[in-house]
Amino acid sequence: MRIGLMVGSDKERSRAERLDGLIDDARAAEKQGFATFWMPQVPGYLDAMTAVALIGNATDRIEIGTAVVPIQTRHPLIMAQQALTTQIACGGRFTLGIGPSHHWIITDQLGLPYDKPARLVRDYLEVLDAAFGGPGTTAVDNDTYRVHSPVDVTDAFTVPVLVAALGPTMLRIAGERTGGTILWMADERAIGDYVVPRITAAAKGAGREDVRVVAGVPVALCADGDVDDARAYASEVLGHADFSPNYVRLLEHGDAEDVGDTMAVGDEATVAARLRRYRDAGVTDLAARVVPLGDDAAQRQASRRRTQEFVASLTSEFASGA
């Protein structure tokens, strides 16, 4: 299992410092030995793919991915153009994570329809596959898109695609059509008993090998007496599963009730043991979302540094399969 970092909106930094700070975070992650660096498309925050392109220019080795970009906000051909351009900036180290998002973002915030998301993903991927096939005319006619347009960005790179897949239909599409899935709010049982068997079977049926299961997992080092408070805090700032029926249905396949229950939290031995359980459940790539704890900015900064350094110290062990 490869270990990487997943970041989010950074309220500790001023708006003027956020982009440069994010790039510094990616450089630090690469230096610490993390395999991947995942950037979500947070409503109202920095644009994920623009940030990834800049990170690609500032780093040399680390894989950089979006986790994830909602597909309703960008036509698939425009997404392909931007992704190919980003791949050039990253020197081939970019992975495009996409998904249909949730009704409370697409409809409630953006005023766009949230209808038949699985069919939309299928049709969207058909355009992406054609556009990533190389320079030339992309010609796709399906239920959602009519595309007849040139693509002339690069003949050196293609773009691996992962899909945020929570339900059985989406897991089948991800296994059959893409490199794998990116998960959030999934515990070990949901991954091992539900996600992995379905996506693996779909991939094998389509003749695809080495399907990836990327799991975003909150992580924090703390004293045993602070574990419950840390879980509650993570659910407050990162969770609220009741907002999304998609997450509610995913949680039903595991033991967690909200994102705090998926958290690797406690002392070093406890955190490492839980990360091993994710690996044993079939996670191929763990994206650690460090949750800084403390009453003020200085305490939270120290908490973040301590947790990140510890998770970085595990990268060699997990990469070797020990």
Protein backbone atom coordinates (compact mmCIF):
# COMPACT_ATOMS: atom_id res chain seq x y z
CA MET A 1 0.00 0.00 0.00
CA ARG A 2 1.34 3.38 -0.99
CA ILE A 3 0.84 6.23 1.47
CA GLY A 4 0.14 9.78 0.39
CA LEU A 5 -1.39 12.96 1.74
CA MET A 6 -4.81 14.43 1.09
CA VAL A 7 -5.20 18.16 1.71
CA GLY A 8 -8.25 20.40 1.89
CA SER A 9 -9.18 24.02 2.42
CA ASP A 10 -6.71 25.67 4.77
CA LYS A 11 -8.37 28.08 7.19
CA GLU A 12 -5.16 28.58 9.17
CA ARG A 13 -3.53 30.52 6.33
CA SER A 14 -4.66 33.85 5.00
CA ARG A 15 -6.14 33.89 1.51
CA ALA A 16 -2.97 35.52 0.19
CA GLU A 17 -0.82 32.71 1.58
CA ARG A 18 -2.90 29.69 0.60
CA LEU A 19 -1.61 28.90 -2.88
CA ASP A 20 2.07 29.33 -2.06
CA GLY A 21 1.49 27.42 1.16
CA LEU A 22 -0.13 24.56 -0.72
CA ILE A 23 2.83 24.32 -3.09
CA ASP A 24 5.18 24.30 -0.09
CA ASP A 25 3.09 21.51 1.45
CA ALA A 26 3.50 19.41 -1.70
CA ARG A 27 7.25 19.99 -1.77
CA ALA A 28 7.45 18.94 1.88
CA ALA A 29 5.37 15.82 1.22
CA GLU A 30 7.71 14.82 -1.60
CA LYS A 31 10.76 15.40 0.57
CA GLN A 32 9.26 13.29 3.37
CA GLY A 33 8.78 10.35 1.02
CA PHE A 34 5.03 10.35 0.47
CA ALA A 35 4.02 8.62 -2.76
CA THR A 36 1.02 10.78 -3.63
CA PHE A 37 -0.53 14.18 -2.98
CA TRP A 38 -4.31 14.56 -3.43
CA MET A 39 -6.16 17.83 -3.87
CA PRO A 40 -9.98 17.98 -3.69
CA GLN A 41 -12.18 20.47 -5.51
CA VAL A 42 -13.59 22.27 -2.45
CA PRO A 43 -16.57 24.55 -3.16
CA GLY A 44 -15.43 28.17 -3.23
CA TYR A 45 -11.76 27.35 -2.65
CA LEU A 46 -8.67 27.07 -4.87
CA ASP A 47 -9.25 25.36 -8.20
CA ALA A 48 -7.83 21.86 -7.87
CA MET A 49 -6.40 21.31 -11.35
CA THR A 50 -4.84 24.74 -11.56
CA ALA A 51 -3.18 24.10 -8.20
CA VAL A 52 -2.06 20.63 -9.31
CA ALA A 53 -0.42 22.07 -12.44
CA LEU A 54 1.56 24.52 -10.32
CA ILE A 55 2.50 21.76 -7.87
CA GLY A 56 3.67 19.66 -10.80
CA ASN A 57 6.10 22.36 -11.83
CA ALA A 58 7.40 22.64 -8.26
CA THR A 59 8.01 18.92 -7.62
CA ASP A 60 9.93 16.11 -9.29
CA ARG A 61 8.72 12.69 -8.15
CA ILE A 62 5.45 12.64 -6.29
CA GLU A 63 2.19 11.64 -8.00
CA ILE A 64 -0.37 14.44 -7.84
CA GLY A 65 -4.09 13.88 -8.19
CA THR A 66 -7.50 15.47 -7.86
CA ALA A 67 -9.83 13.89 -5.33
CA VAL A 68 -12.17 14.78 -6.90
CA VAL A 69 -13.40 17.22 -9.55
CA PRO A 70 -17.21 17.21 -10.07
CA ILE A 71 -18.02 16.37 -13.67
CA GLN A 72 -21.17 18.49 -13.99
CA THR A 73 -19.16 21.71 -13.79
CA ARG A 74 -16.95 21.03 -16.84
CA HIS A 75 -17.77 19.65 -20.27
CA PRO A 76 -15.78 16.43 -20.72
CA LEU A 77 -13.82 17.78 -23.68
CA ILE A 78 -12.84 20.87 -21.70
CA MET A 79 -11.95 18.61 -18.77
CA ALA A 80 -9.76 16.56 -21.11
CA GLN A 81 -7.97 19.64 -22.45
CA GLN A 82 -7.27 20.91 -18.96
CA ALA A 83 -6.22 17.48 -17.71
CA LEU A 84 -3.81 16.95 -20.62
CA THR A 85 -2.33 20.40 -20.07
CA THR A 86 -1.98 19.64 -16.37
CA GLN A 87 -0.30 16.35 -17.22
CA ILE A 88 2.31 18.23 -19.24
CA ALA A 89 2.98 20.51 -16.27
CA CYS A 90 3.32 17.44 -14.03
CA GLY A 91 5.61 15.56 -16.40
CA GLY A 92 3.32 12.54 -16.49
CA ARG A 93 2.67 12.38 -12.72
CA PHE A 94 -0.96 13.57 -12.74
CA THR A 95 -3.99 11.38 -12.03
CA LEU A 96 -7.45 12.79 -12.72
CA GLY A 97 -9.95 11.93 -10.02
CA ILE A 98 -13.53 12.77 -10.99
CA GLY A 99 -17.00 12.09 -9.68
CA PRO A 100 -20.66 13.11 -9.87
CA SER A 101 -20.43 14.90 -6.49
CA HIS A 102 -23.59 15.34 -4.38
CA HIS A 103 -26.95 17.01 -4.80
CA TRP A 104 -26.19 19.60 -2.11
CA ILE A 105 -23.27 20.89 -4.19
CA ILE A 106 -24.52 20.41 -7.75
CA THR A 107 -28.14 21.45 -7.26
CA ASP A 108 -28.28 23.41 -4.01
CA GLN A 109 -25.09 25.44 -4.54
CA LEU A 110 -24.71 25.57 -8.32
CA GLY A 111 -28.29 25.23 -9.54
CA LEU A 112 -27.45 22.39 -11.91
CA PRO A 113 -29.46 19.17 -12.34
CA TYR A 114 -28.41 16.08 -10.41
CA ASP A 115 -30.14 13.44 -12.49
CA LYS A 116 -29.00 9.88 -13.20
CA PRO A 117 -25.38 10.44 -12.10
CA ALA A 118 -24.21 6.93 -13.03
CA ARG A 119 -25.39 7.35 -16.63
CA LEU A 120 -23.75 10.76 -16.75
CA VAL A 121 -20.45 9.27 -15.56
CA ARG A 122 -20.65 6.54 -18.23
CA ASP A 123 -21.26 9.06 -21.00
CA TYR A 124 -18.62 11.42 -19.62
CA LEU A 125 -15.98 8.69 -19.59
CA GLU A 126 -16.71 7.86 -23.21
CA VAL A 127 -15.73 11.40 -24.21
CA LEU A 128 -12.67 11.42 -21.95
CA ASP A 129 -11.45 8.09 -23.33
CA ALA A 130 -11.73 9.40 -26.88
CA ALA A 131 -10.02 12.69 -26.05
CA PHE A 132 -7.18 10.94 -24.19
CA GLY A 133 -6.62 8.60 -27.13
CA GLY A 134 -4.20 11.02 -28.80
CA PRO A 135 -4.24 14.07 -31.06
CA GLY A 136 -7.03 14.13 -33.59
CA THR A 137 -10.77 14.52 -33.78
CA THR A 138 -12.84 13.44 -30.81
CA ALA A 139 -16.13 12.10 -32.18
CA VAL A 140 -18.65 10.84 -29.62
CA ASP A 141 -22.43 10.66 -29.80
CA ASN A 142 -24.17 9.25 -26.74
CA ASP A 143 -27.25 10.00 -24.65
CA THR A 144 -25.63 13.07 -23.04
CA TYR A 145 -22.97 14.45 -25.37
CA ARG A 146 -22.53 15.22 -29.05
CA VAL A 147 -18.85 15.92 -29.51
CA HIS A 148 -17.04 16.47 -32.82
CA SER A 149 -13.98 18.52 -31.99
CA PRO A 150 -10.20 18.40 -32.40
CA VAL A 151 -7.84 17.69 -29.52
CA ASP A 152 -4.27 18.80 -30.12
CA VAL A 153 -2.58 19.13 -26.73
CA THR A 154 0.14 16.48 -26.45
CA ASP A 155 1.24 13.21 -28.02
CA ALA A 156 3.57 12.41 -25.11
CA PHE A 157 1.09 11.81 -22.30
CA THR A 158 -2.26 10.32 -21.49
CA VAL A 159 -4.12 10.76 -18.19
CA PRO A 160 -5.03 7.98 -15.73
CA VAL A 161 -8.60 8.38 -14.46
CA LEU A 162 -10.12 7.37 -11.12
CA VAL A 163 -13.79 7.73 -10.23
CA ALA A 164 -15.37 8.43 -6.86
CA ALA A 165 -17.58 5.34 -6.70
CA LEU A 166 -19.86 4.68 -3.73
CA GLY A 167 -22.75 2.60 -5.09
CA PRO A 168 -22.68 -0.76 -6.90
CA THR A 169 -23.35 0.71 -10.34
CA MET A 170 -20.61 3.29 -9.95
CA LEU A 171 -18.18 0.65 -8.66
CA ARG A 172 -18.91 -1.47 -11.72
CA ILE A 173 -18.29 1.50 -14.03
CA ALA A 174 -15.07 2.37 -12.21
CA GLY A 175 -13.80 -1.19 -12.45
CA GLU A 176 -14.76 -1.66 -16.09
CA ARG A 177 -13.80 1.74 -17.46
CA THR A 178 -11.12 3.38 -15.27
CA GLY A 179 -8.05 2.73 -13.16
CA GLY A 180 -10.02 2.48 -9.94
CA THR A 181 -11.81 4.52 -7.32
CA ILE A 182 -11.24 7.24 -4.75
CA LEU A 183 -13.10 6.80 -1.47
CA TRP A 184 -14.04 9.02 1.43
CA MET A 185 -16.00 8.04 4.53
CA ALA A 186 -15.39 4.31 4.06
CA ASP A 187 -14.10 2.16 6.91
CA GLU A 188 -12.26 -1.14 6.66
CA ARG A 189 -15.35 -3.35 6.57
CA ALA A 190 -17.06 -1.25 3.90
CA ILE A 191 -13.90 -1.41 1.80
CA GLY A 192 -13.06 -5.07 2.34
CA ASP A 193 -16.56 -6.55 2.18
CA TYR A 194 -18.24 -4.21 -0.27
CA VAL A 195 -15.98 -1.98 -2.38
CA VAL A 196 -13.04 -4.23 -3.20
CA PRO A 197 -15.00 -7.35 -4.26
CA ARG A 198 -17.26 -5.35 -6.58
CA ILE A 199 -14.67 -3.19 -8.27
CA THR A 200 -12.20 -6.06 -8.58
CA ALA A 201 -14.79 -8.34 -10.18
CA ALA A 202 -15.80 -5.60 -12.61
CA ALA A 203 -12.18 -4.94 -13.56
CA LYS A 204 -11.42 -8.62 -14.11
CA GLY A 205 -14.55 -9.03 -16.22
CA ALA A 206 -13.34 -6.21 -18.44
CA GLY A 207 -9.83 -7.61 -18.67
CA ARG A 208 -8.34 -4.86 -16.54
CA GLU A 209 -5.59 -5.50 -13.99
CA ASP A 210 -4.22 -3.69 -10.97
CA VAL A 211 -7.33 -1.69 -10.10
CA ARG A 212 -6.59 1.03 -7.56
CA VAL A 213 -8.55 1.65 -4.38
CA VAL A 214 -7.56 5.05 -2.99
CA ALA A 215 -8.96 5.66 0.50
CA GLY A 216 -9.00 9.07 2.12
CA VAL A 217 -8.53 8.52 5.86
CA PRO A 218 -8.36 11.18 8.58
CA VAL A 219 -5.30 10.74 10.82
CA ALA A 220 -4.23 12.36 14.10
CA LEU A 221 -1.82 11.52 16.89
CA CYS A 222 -3.17 12.27 20.34
CA ALA A 223 -3.39 10.94 23.88
CA ASP A 224 -5.80 8.08 24.57
CA GLY A 225 -8.02 10.38 26.60
CA ASP A 226 -8.48 12.72 23.62
CA VAL A 227 -9.54 10.13 21.04
CA ASP A 228 -13.31 10.60 21.38
CA ASP A 229 -12.99 14.39 21.15
CA ALA A 230 -10.75 14.02 18.08
CA ARG A 231 -13.29 11.78 16.34
CA ALA A 232 -16.10 14.21 17.12
CA TYR A 233 -14.03 17.12 15.81
CA ALA A 234 -13.23 15.28 12.57
CA SER A 235 -16.91 14.52 12.02
CA GLU A 236 -17.75 18.16 12.65
CA VAL A 237 -15.23 19.67 10.22
CA LEU A 238 -15.00 16.90 7.61
CA GLY A 239 -18.18 14.90 7.87
CA HIS A 240 -21.92 15.38 8.26
CA ALA A 241 -22.77 12.19 6.38
CA ASP A 242 -26.47 12.99 6.67
CA PHE A 243 -25.97 15.69 4.01
CA SER A 244 -25.48 13.04 1.34
CA PRO A 245 -27.56 9.90 0.69
CA ASN A 246 -24.54 8.55 -1.21
CA TYR A 247 -22.42 8.57 1.94
CA VAL A 248 -25.27 7.22 4.07
CA ARG A 249 -25.57 4.18 1.81
CA LEU A 250 -21.81 3.62 1.86
CA LEU A 251 -21.67 3.83 5.64
CA GLU A 252 -24.34 1.14 5.87
CA HIS A 253 -21.81 -1.35 4.48
CA GLY A 254 -19.40 -0.75 7.36
CA ASP A 255 -19.33 0.03 11.07
CA ALA A 256 -18.78 3.80 10.90
CA GLU A 257 -21.57 6.34 11.40
CA ASP A 258 -19.59 9.39 10.28
CA VAL A 259 -16.13 10.27 9.06
CA GLY A 260 -14.69 10.44 12.58
CA ASP A 261 -15.32 6.72 12.94
CA THR A 262 -13.06 6.03 9.96
CA MET A 263 -10.21 7.97 11.59
CA ALA A 264 -6.82 6.52 12.53
CA VAL A 265 -6.39 8.30 15.86
CA GLY A 266 -4.52 7.77 19.14
CA ASP A 267 -0.90 7.00 19.89
CA GLU A 268 1.62 5.83 17.33
CA ALA A 269 0.91 2.12 17.76
CA THR A 270 -2.85 2.63 17.50
CA VAL A 271 -2.62 4.77 14.36
CA ALA A 272 -0.24 2.33 12.66
CA ALA A 273 -2.46 -0.63 13.53
CA ARG A 274 -5.52 0.98 11.98
CA LEU A 275 -3.66 1.91 8.82
CA ARG A 276 -2.60 -1.74 8.54
CA ARG A 277 -6.26 -2.76 8.74
CA TYR A 278 -7.02 -0.50 5.79
CA ARG A 279 -4.20 -2.13 3.86
CA ASP A 280 -5.45 -5.60 4.74
CA ALA A 281 -8.95 -4.62 3.56
CA GLY A 282 -7.58 -4.05 0.06
CA VAL A 283 -6.64 -0.37 -0.02
CA THR A 284 -3.86 0.12 -2.57
CA ASP A 285 -3.30 3.83 -1.88
CA LEU A 286 -3.98 5.49 1.45
CA ALA A 287 -4.48 9.25 1.32
CA ALA A 288 -3.91 10.49 4.86
CA ARG A 289 -5.89 13.61 5.72
CA VAL A 290 -4.01 14.99 8.71
CA VAL A 291 -6.40 16.50 11.27
CA PRO A 292 -4.53 19.03 13.44
CA LEU A 293 -5.70 19.18 17.04
CA GLY A 294 -5.29 21.96 19.58
CA ASP A 295 -6.81 25.08 21.09
CA ASP A 296 -4.78 27.60 19.08
CA ALA A 297 -2.87 27.89 15.83
CA ALA A 298 0.50 27.03 17.40
CA GLN A 299 -0.85 23.83 18.96
CA ARG A 300 -2.55 22.79 15.75
CA GLN A 301 0.61 23.43 13.74
CA ALA A 302 2.62 21.28 16.14
CA SER A 303 -0.04 18.57 15.99
CA ARG A 304 -0.03 18.58 12.19
CA ARG A 305 3.76 18.39 12.02
CA ARG A 306 3.97 15.54 14.54
CA THR A 307 1.26 13.48 12.84
CA GLN A 308 2.59 14.03 9.33
CA GLU A 309 6.13 13.12 10.32
CA PHE A 310 4.90 9.92 11.92
CA VAL A 311 2.81 8.89 8.91
CA ALA A 312 5.79 9.66 6.66
CA SER A 313 7.90 7.32 8.78
CA LEU A 314 5.54 4.46 7.83
CA THR A 315 5.81 4.86 4.05
CA SER A 316 8.67 2.41 3.58
CA GLU A 317 7.06 -0.25 5.76
CA PHE A 318 3.75 -0.12 3.91
CA ALA A 319 5.33 0.11 0.47
CA SER A 320 7.26 -3.10 1.19
CA GLY A 321 4.12 -4.90 2.32
CA ALA A 322 5.51 -5.57 5.80
